[in-house]
Amino acid sequence: MMATEGHPVQVAVRVLGVSESGFYAWRDRGPSARSIRHVLLTDTIRQVHAASSGVYGIRQVHAELTLGRGMRLWHGTVSCRV
């Protein structure tokens, strides 16, 4: 981001079309629950895939997560992260 690259915050917010207070609110905000869930889910998918020696495809990974581990997720969620 421009502000982290040494550019003044005022220039960065003007170029991006956001308010300075909005920039600081965004910067100081922690990750959302959704983004945390996505990171954890991606890690779990990678673990399942690695445990199968890279043999499992989307269908097998989805089956392991839903049937084997009891997770509730859409098939497309797995395909976005494989």
PDB file of N, CA and C in Angstrom:
ATOM      1  N   MET A   1       0.843  -1.176   0.000  1.00  0.00           N
ATOM      2  CA  MET A   1       0.000   0.000   0.000  1.00  0.00           C
ATOM      3  C   MET A   1       0.886   1.236   0.000  1.00  0.00           C
ATOM      4  N   MET A   2       0.362   2.270  -0.525  1.00  0.00           N
ATOM      5  CA  MET A   2       1.144   3.490  -0.687  1.00  0.00           C
ATOM      6  C   MET A   2       1.646   4.044   0.637  1.00  0.00           C
ATOM      7  N   ALA A   3       0.788   4.047   1.647  1.00  0.00           N
ATOM      8  CA  ALA A   3       1.183   4.622   2.935  1.00  0.00           C
ATOM      9  C   ALA A   3       2.304   3.815   3.584  1.00  0.00           C
ATOM     10  N   THR A   4       2.320   2.504   3.371  1.00  0.00           N
ATOM     11  CA  THR A   4       3.376   1.677   3.951  1.00  0.00           C
ATOM     12  C   THR A   4       4.649   1.744   3.125  1.00  0.00           C
ATOM     13  N   GLU A   5       4.574   2.296   1.931  1.00  0.00           N
ATOM     14  CA  GLU A   5       5.752   2.433   1.079  1.00  0.00           C
ATOM     15  C   GLU A   5       6.420   3.790   1.230  1.00  0.00           C
ATOM     16  N   GLY A   6       6.025   4.550   2.240  1.00  0.00           N
ATOM     17  CA  GLY A   6       6.677   5.814   2.502  1.00  0.00           C
ATOM     18  C   GLY A   6       5.955   7.030   1.954  1.00  0.00           C
ATOM     19  N   HIS A   7       4.861   6.838   1.248  1.00  0.00           N
ATOM     20  CA  HIS A   7       4.096   7.976   0.750  1.00  0.00           C
ATOM     21  C   HIS A   7       3.257   8.547   1.892  1.00  0.00           C
ATOM     22  N   PRO A   8       3.053   9.845   1.921  1.00  0.00           N
ATOM     23  CA  PRO A   8       2.210  10.423   2.977  1.00  0.00           C
ATOM     24  C   PRO A   8       0.789   9.873   2.911  1.00  0.00           C
ATOM     25  N   VAL A   9       0.200   9.660   4.062  1.00  0.00           N
ATOM     26  CA  VAL A   9      -1.153   9.125   4.146  1.00  0.00           C
ATOM     27  C   VAL A   9      -2.127  10.019   3.389  1.00  0.00           C
ATOM     28  N   GLN A  10      -1.941  11.325   3.472  1.00  0.00           N
ATOM     29  CA  GLN A  10      -2.849  12.251   2.803  1.00  0.00           C
ATOM     30  C   GLN A  10      -2.853  12.021   1.288  1.00  0.00           C
ATOM     31  N   VAL A  11      -1.696  11.753   0.713  1.00  0.00           N
ATOM     32  CA  VAL A  11      -1.614  11.487  -0.724  1.00  0.00           C
ATOM     33  C   VAL A  11      -2.287  10.153  -1.044  1.00  0.00           C
ATOM     34  N   ALA A  12      -2.019   9.152  -0.230  1.00  0.00           N
ATOM     35  CA  ALA A  12      -2.578   7.822  -0.469  1.00  0.00           C
ATOM     36  C   ALA A  12      -4.102   7.845  -0.437  1.00  0.00           C
ATOM     37  N   VAL A  13      -4.686   8.494   0.576  1.00  0.00           N
ATOM     38  CA  VAL A  13      -6.148   8.499   0.671  1.00  0.00           C
ATOM     39  C   VAL A  13      -6.773   9.318  -0.447  1.00  0.00           C
ATOM     40  N   ARG A  14      -6.102  10.365  -0.883  1.00  0.00           N
ATOM     41  CA  ARG A  14      -6.624  11.173  -1.986  1.00  0.00           C
ATOM     42  C   ARG A  14      -6.617  10.357  -3.278  1.00  0.00           C
ATOM     43  N   VAL A  15      -5.537   9.637  -3.538  1.00  0.00           N
ATOM     44  CA  VAL A  15      -5.438   8.817  -4.742  1.00  0.00           C
ATOM     45  C   VAL A  15      -6.460   7.678  -4.704  1.00  0.00           C
ATOM     46  N   LEU A  16      -6.640   7.075  -3.547  1.00  0.00           N
ATOM     47  CA  LEU A  16      -7.570   5.952  -3.416  1.00  0.00           C
ATOM     48  C   LEU A  16      -9.021   6.393  -3.277  1.00  0.00           C
ATOM     49  N   GLY A  17      -9.245   7.660  -2.997  1.00  0.00           N
ATOM     50  CA  GLY A  17     -10.607   8.166  -2.879  1.00  0.00           C
ATOM     51  C   GLY A  17     -11.295   7.749  -1.596  1.00  0.00           C
ATOM     52  N   VAL A  18     -10.542   7.631  -0.513  1.00  0.00           N
ATOM     53  CA  VAL A  18     -11.110   7.279   0.791  1.00  0.00           C
ATOM     54  C   VAL A  18     -10.765   8.372   1.791  1.00  0.00           C
ATOM     55  N   SER A  19     -11.471   8.352   2.917  1.00  0.00           N
ATOM     56  CA  SER A  19     -11.185   9.353   3.943  1.00  0.00           C
ATOM     57  C   SER A  19      -9.983   8.906   4.773  1.00  0.00           C
ATOM     58  N   GLU A  20      -9.329   9.862   5.363  1.00  0.00           N
ATOM     59  CA  GLU A  20      -8.174   9.549   6.214  1.00  0.00           C
ATOM     60  C   GLU A  20      -8.611   8.743   7.432  1.00  0.00           C
ATOM     61  N   SER A  21      -9.743   9.131   8.016  1.00  0.00           N
ATOM     62  CA  SER A  21     -10.229   8.380   9.186  1.00  0.00           C
ATOM     63  C   SER A  21     -10.620   6.957   8.795  1.00  0.00           C
ATOM     64  N   GLY A  22     -11.174   6.794   7.592  1.00  0.00           N
ATOM     65  CA  GLY A  22     -11.508   5.454   7.103  1.00  0.00           C
ATOM     66  C   GLY A  22     -10.277   4.606   6.902  1.00  0.00           C
ATOM     67  N   PHE A  23      -9.199   5.227   6.401  1.00  0.00           N
ATOM     68  CA  PHE A  23      -7.940   4.500   6.230  1.00  0.00           C
ATOM     69  C   PHE A  23      -7.419   4.000   7.569  1.00  0.00           C
ATOM     70  N   TYR A  24      -7.403   4.875   8.582  1.00  0.00           N
ATOM     71  CA  TYR A  24      -6.894   4.478   9.895  1.00  0.00           C
ATOM     72  C   TYR A  24      -7.800   3.428  10.543  1.00  0.00           C
ATOM     73  N   ALA A  25      -9.110   3.524  10.332  1.00  0.00           N
ATOM     74  CA  ALA A  25     -10.028   2.514  10.869  1.00  0.00           C
ATOM     75  C   ALA A  25      -9.758   1.162  10.225  1.00  0.00           C
ATOM     76  N   TRP A  26      -9.542   1.169   8.892  1.00  0.00           N
ATOM     77  CA  TRP A  26      -9.243  -0.068   8.183  1.00  0.00           C
ATOM     78  C   TRP A  26      -7.917  -0.665   8.655  1.00  0.00           C
ATOM     79  N   ARG A  27      -6.908   0.192   8.807  1.00  0.00           N
ATOM     80  CA  ARG A  27      -5.574  -0.265   9.197  1.00  0.00           C
ATOM     81  C   ARG A  27      -5.566  -0.887  10.584  1.00  0.00           C
ATOM     82  N   ASP A  28      -6.341  -0.309  11.496  1.00  0.00           N
ATOM     83  CA  ASP A  28      -6.320  -0.766  12.886  1.00  0.00           C
ATOM     84  C   ASP A  28      -7.311  -1.889  13.167  1.00  0.00           C
ATOM     85  N   ARG A  29      -8.172  -2.179  12.209  1.00  0.00           N
ATOM     86  CA  ARG A  29      -9.177  -3.227  12.388  1.00  0.00           C
ATOM     87  C   ARG A  29      -8.523  -4.591  12.252  1.00  0.00           C
ATOM     88  N   GLY A  30      -8.952  -5.520  13.062  1.00  0.00           N
ATOM     89  CA  GLY A  30      -8.440  -6.880  12.966  1.00  0.00           C
ATOM     90  C   GLY A  30      -9.118  -7.630  11.839  1.00  0.00           C
ATOM     91  N   PRO A  31      -8.674  -8.834  11.557  1.00  0.00           N
ATOM     92  CA  PRO A  31      -9.296  -9.619  10.491  1.00  0.00           C
ATOM     93  C   PRO A  31     -10.729  -9.999  10.865  1.00  0.00           C
ATOM     94  N   SER A  32     -11.583 -10.099   9.867  1.00  0.00           N
ATOM     95  CA  SER A  32     -12.982 -10.456  10.101  1.00  0.00           C
ATOM     96  C   SER A  32     -13.108 -11.940  10.410  1.00  0.00           C
ATOM     97  N   ALA A  33     -14.225 -12.313  10.973  1.00  0.00           N
ATOM     98  CA  ALA A  33     -14.491 -13.728  11.270  1.00  0.00           C
ATOM     99  C   ALA A  33     -14.495 -14.547   9.983  1.00  0.00           C
ATOM    100  N   ARG A  34     -15.011 -13.956   8.919  1.00  0.00           N
ATOM    101  CA  ARG A  34     -15.055 -14.651   7.638  1.00  0.00           C
ATOM    102  C   ARG A  34     -13.657 -14.915   7.099  1.00  0.00           C
ATOM    103  N   SER A  35     -12.779 -13.926   7.161  1.00  0.00           N
ATOM    104  CA  SER A  35     -11.426 -14.126   6.634  1.00  0.00           C
ATOM    105  C   SER A  35     -10.651 -15.139   7.481  1.00  0.00           C
ATOM    106  N   ILE A  36     -10.882 -15.145   8.782  1.00  0.00           N
ATOM    107  CA  ILE A  36     -10.239 -16.142   9.656  1.00  0.00           C
ATOM    108  C   ILE A  36     -10.727 -17.537   9.294  1.00  0.00           C
ATOM    109  N   ARG A  37     -12.045 -17.676   9.082  1.00  0.00           N
ATOM    110  CA  ARG A  37     -12.608 -18.975   8.708  1.00  0.00           C
ATOM    111  C   ARG A  37     -12.022 -19.442   7.381  1.00  0.00           C
ATOM    112  N   HIS A  38     -11.871 -18.544   6.422  1.00  0.00           N
ATOM    113  CA  HIS A  38     -11.316 -18.920   5.125  1.00  0.00           C
ATOM    114  C   HIS A  38      -9.878 -19.401   5.248  1.00  0.00           C
ATOM    115  N   VAL A  39      -9.090 -18.762   6.087  1.00  0.00           N
ATOM    116  CA  VAL A  39      -7.701 -19.188   6.283  1.00  0.00           C
ATOM    117  C   VAL A  39      -7.661 -20.577   6.918  1.00  0.00           C
ATOM    118  N   LEU A  40      -8.473 -20.781   7.943  1.00  0.00           N
ATOM    119  CA  LEU A  40      -8.509 -22.088   8.608  1.00  0.00           C
ATOM    120  C   LEU A  40      -9.009 -23.172   7.665  1.00  0.00           C
ATOM    121  N   LEU A  41     -10.030 -22.860   6.881  1.00  0.00           N
ATOM    122  CA  LEU A  41     -10.567 -23.829   5.936  1.00  0.00           C
ATOM    123  C   LEU A  41      -9.541 -24.182   4.864  1.00  0.00           C
ATOM    124  N   THR A  42      -8.837 -23.189   4.356  1.00  0.00           N
ATOM    125  CA  THR A  42      -7.804 -23.437   3.351  1.00  0.00           C
ATOM    126  C   THR A  42      -6.709 -24.331   3.917  1.00  0.00           C
ATOM    127  N   ASP A  43      -6.305 -24.085   5.154  1.00  0.00           N
ATOM    128  CA  ASP A  43      -5.293 -24.938   5.796  1.00  0.00           C
ATOM    129  C   ASP A  43      -5.788 -26.377   5.939  1.00  0.00           C
ATOM    130  N   THR A  44      -7.045 -26.537   6.340  1.00  0.00           N
ATOM    131  CA  THR A  44      -7.621 -27.877   6.504  1.00  0.00           C
ATOM    132  C   THR A  44      -7.683 -28.600   5.167  1.00  0.00           C
ATOM    133  N   ILE A  45      -8.082 -27.906   4.116  1.00  0.00           N
ATOM    134  CA  ILE A  45      -8.143 -28.505   2.783  1.00  0.00           C
ATOM    135  C   ILE A  45      -6.745 -28.953   2.348  1.00  0.00           C
ATOM    136  N   ARG A  46      -5.758 -28.132   2.594  1.00  0.00           N
ATOM    137  CA  ARG A  46      -4.382 -28.501   2.227  1.00  0.00           C
ATOM    138  C   ARG A  46      -3.902 -29.720   3.028  1.00  0.00           C
ATOM    139  N   GLN A  47      -4.281 -29.802   4.303  1.00  0.00           N
ATOM    140  CA  GLN A  47      -3.904 -30.944   5.128  1.00  0.00           C
ATOM    141  C   GLN A  47      -4.529 -32.236   4.601  1.00  0.00           C
ATOM    142  N   VAL A  48      -5.823 -32.173   4.264  1.00  0.00           N
ATOM    143  CA  VAL A  48      -6.516 -33.354   3.737  1.00  0.00           C
ATOM    144  C   VAL A  48      -5.878 -33.781   2.423  1.00  0.00           C
ATOM    145  N   HIS A  49      -5.597 -32.818   1.562  1.00  0.00           N
ATOM    146  CA  HIS A  49      -4.984 -33.125   0.268  1.00  0.00           C
ATOM    147  C   HIS A  49      -3.589 -33.728   0.459  1.00  0.00           C
ATOM    148  N   ALA A  50      -2.808 -33.173   1.370  1.00  0.00           N
ATOM    149  CA  ALA A  50      -1.459 -33.685   1.635  1.00  0.00           C
ATOM    150  C   ALA A  50      -1.508 -35.077   2.269  1.00  0.00           C
ATOM    151  N   ALA A  51      -2.480 -35.298   3.147  1.00  0.00           N
ATOM    152  CA  ALA A  51      -2.601 -36.607   3.797  1.00  0.00           C
ATOM    153  C   ALA A  51      -2.928 -37.704   2.793  1.00  0.00           C
ATOM    154  N   SER A  52      -3.525 -37.331   1.663  1.00  0.00           N
ATOM    155  CA  SER A  52      -3.835 -38.315   0.621  1.00  0.00           C
ATOM    156  C   SER A  52      -2.672 -38.447  -0.376  1.00  0.00           C
ATOM    157  N   SER A  53      -1.538 -37.886  -0.041  1.00  0.00           N
ATOM    158  CA  SER A  53      -0.356 -37.864  -0.907  1.00  0.00           C
ATOM    159  C   SER A  53      -0.649 -37.159  -2.223  1.00  0.00           C
ATOM    160  N   GLY A  54      -1.541 -36.180  -2.148  1.00  0.00           N
ATOM    161  CA  GLY A  54      -1.866 -35.397  -3.331  1.00  0.00           C
ATOM    162  C   GLY A  54      -2.783 -36.093  -4.308  1.00  0.00           C
ATOM    163  N   VAL A  55      -3.386 -37.211  -3.895  1.00  0.00           N
ATOM    164  CA  VAL A  55      -4.241 -37.993  -4.788  1.00  0.00           C
ATOM    165  C   VAL A  55      -5.670 -37.459  -4.798  1.00  0.00           C
ATOM    166  N   TYR A  56      -6.169 -37.029  -3.651  1.00  0.00           N
ATOM    167  CA  TYR A  56      -7.554 -36.568  -3.550  1.00  0.00           C
ATOM    168  C   TYR A  56      -7.783 -35.331  -4.392  1.00  0.00           C
ATOM    169  N   GLY A  57      -8.866 -35.357  -5.126  1.00  0.00           N
ATOM    170  CA  GLY A  57      -9.302 -34.188  -5.870  1.00  0.00           C
ATOM    171  C   GLY A  57     -10.379 -33.456  -5.068  1.00  0.00           C
ATOM    172  N   ILE A  58     -11.091 -32.584  -5.753  1.00  0.00           N
ATOM    173  CA  ILE A  58     -12.098 -31.759  -5.082  1.00  0.00           C
ATOM    174  C   ILE A  58     -13.185 -32.621  -4.445  1.00  0.00           C
ATOM    175  N   ARG A  59     -13.672 -33.624  -5.173  1.00  0.00           N
ATOM    176  CA  ARG A  59     -14.763 -34.459  -4.644  1.00  0.00           C
ATOM    177  C   ARG A  59     -14.349 -35.230  -3.395  1.00  0.00           C
ATOM    178  N   GLN A  60     -13.173 -35.804  -3.424  1.00  0.00           N
ATOM    179  CA  GLN A  60     -12.712 -36.580  -2.278  1.00  0.00           C
ATOM    180  C   GLN A  60     -12.426 -35.681  -1.081  1.00  0.00           C
ATOM    181  N   VAL A  61     -11.836 -34.516  -1.324  1.00  0.00           N
ATOM    182  CA  VAL A  61     -11.556 -33.578  -0.235  1.00  0.00           C
ATOM    183  C   VAL A  61     -12.875 -33.103   0.376  1.00  0.00           C
ATOM    184  N   HIS A  62     -13.848 -32.774  -0.481  1.00  0.00           N
ATOM    185  CA  HIS A  62     -15.163 -32.342   0.013  1.00  0.00           C
ATOM    186  C   HIS A  62     -15.815 -33.440   0.838  1.00  0.00           C
ATOM    187  N   ALA A  63     -15.748 -34.685   0.360  1.00  0.00           N
ATOM    188  CA  ALA A  63     -16.330 -35.806   1.097  1.00  0.00           C
ATOM    189  C   ALA A  63     -15.651 -35.991   2.453  1.00  0.00           C
ATOM    190  N   GLU A  64     -14.334 -35.876   2.485  1.00  0.00           N
ATOM    191  CA  GLU A  64     -13.607 -36.009   3.756  1.00  0.00           C
ATOM    192  C   GLU A  64     -14.020 -34.923   4.739  1.00  0.00           C
ATOM    193  N   LEU A  65     -14.148 -33.707   4.251  1.00  0.00           N
ATOM    194  CA  LEU A  65     -14.517 -32.600   5.143  1.00  0.00           C
ATOM    195  C   LEU A  65     -15.950 -32.728   5.646  1.00  0.00           C
ATOM    196  N   THR A  66     -16.884 -33.078   4.751  1.00  0.00           N
ATOM    197  CA  THR A  66     -18.291 -33.129   5.149  1.00  0.00           C
ATOM    198  C   THR A  66     -18.651 -34.418   5.865  1.00  0.00           C
ATOM    199  N   LEU A  67     -18.261 -35.555   5.307  1.00  0.00           N
ATOM    200  CA  LEU A  67     -18.630 -36.836   5.909  1.00  0.00           C
ATOM    201  C   LEU A  67     -17.655 -37.267   6.999  1.00  0.00           C
ATOM    202  N   GLY A  68     -16.373 -37.087   6.743  1.00  0.00           N
ATOM    203  CA  GLY A  68     -15.364 -37.535   7.697  1.00  0.00           C
ATOM    204  C   GLY A  68     -15.179 -36.605   8.882  1.00  0.00           C
ATOM    205  N   ARG A  69     -15.295 -35.311   8.637  1.00  0.00           N
ATOM    206  CA  ARG A  69     -15.031 -34.348   9.702  1.00  0.00           C
ATOM    207  C   ARG A  69     -16.269 -33.567  10.136  1.00  0.00           C
ATOM    208  N   GLY A  70     -17.391 -33.801   9.492  1.00  0.00           N
ATOM    209  CA  GLY A  70     -18.643 -33.164   9.891  1.00  0.00           C
ATOM    210  C   GLY A  70     -18.735 -31.669   9.627  1.00  0.00           C
ATOM    211  N   MET A  71     -17.943 -31.182   8.709  1.00  0.00           N
ATOM    212  CA  MET A  71     -17.984 -29.753   8.388  1.00  0.00           C
ATOM    213  C   MET A  71     -19.119 -29.506   7.400  1.00  0.00           C
ATOM    214  N   ARG A  72     -19.753 -28.347   7.528  1.00  0.00           N
ATOM    215  CA  ARG A  72     -20.813 -27.973   6.606  1.00  0.00           C
ATOM    216  C   ARG A  72     -20.276 -26.913   5.654  1.00  0.00           C
ATOM    217  N   LEU A  73     -20.121 -27.314   4.394  1.00  0.00           N
ATOM    218  CA  LEU A  73     -19.646 -26.368   3.403  1.00  0.00           C
ATOM    219  C   LEU A  73     -20.084 -26.800   2.018  1.00  0.00           C
ATOM    220  N   TRP A  74     -20.153 -25.836   1.138  1.00  0.00           N
ATOM    221  CA  TRP A  74     -20.571 -26.047  -0.234  1.00  0.00           C
ATOM    222  C   TRP A  74     -19.424 -26.648  -1.031  1.00  0.00           C
ATOM    223  N   HIS A  75     -19.751 -27.461  -2.008  1.00  0.00           N
ATOM    224  CA  HIS A  75     -18.742 -28.109  -2.851  1.00  0.00           C
ATOM    225  C   HIS A  75     -17.837 -27.072  -3.517  1.00  0.00           C
ATOM    226  N   GLY A  76     -18.411 -25.948  -3.948  1.00  0.00           N
ATOM    227  CA  GLY A  76     -17.641 -24.910  -4.603  1.00  0.00           C
ATOM    228  C   GLY A  76     -16.625 -24.249  -3.697  1.00  0.00           C
ATOM    229  N   THR A  77     -16.872 -24.287  -2.396  1.00  0.00           N
ATOM    230  CA  THR A  77     -15.924 -23.716  -1.442  1.00  0.00           C
ATOM    231  C   THR A  77     -14.596 -24.454  -1.505  1.00  0.00           C
ATOM    232  N   VAL A  78     -14.660 -25.756  -1.677  1.00  0.00           N
ATOM    233  CA  VAL A  78     -13.439 -26.562  -1.770  1.00  0.00           C
ATOM    234  C   VAL A  78     -12.740 -26.268  -3.090  1.00  0.00           C
ATOM    235  N   SER A  79     -13.496 -26.187  -4.165  1.00  0.00           N
ATOM    236  CA  SER A  79     -12.873 -25.992  -5.468  1.00  0.00           C
ATOM    237  C   SER A  79     -12.169 -24.637  -5.588  1.00  0.00           C
ATOM    238  N   CYS A  80     -12.617 -23.663  -4.832  1.00  0.00           N
ATOM    239  CA  CYS A  80     -11.991 -22.335  -4.853  1.00  0.00           C
ATOM    240  C   CYS A  80     -10.631 -22.334  -4.154  1.00  0.00           C
ATOM    241  N   ARG A  81     -10.360 -23.337  -3.341  1.00  0.00           N
ATOM    242  CA  ARG A  81      -9.159 -23.320  -2.509  1.00  0.00           C
ATOM    243  C   ARG A  81      -8.172 -24.428  -2.845  1.00  0.00           C
ATOM    244  N   VAL A  82      -8.487 -25.284  -3.806  1.00  0.00           N
ATOM    245  CA  VAL A  82      -7.581 -26.386  -4.145  1.00  0.00           C
ATOM    246  C   VAL A  82      -6.576 -25.908  -5.162  1.00  0.00           C
TER     247      VAL A  82
END
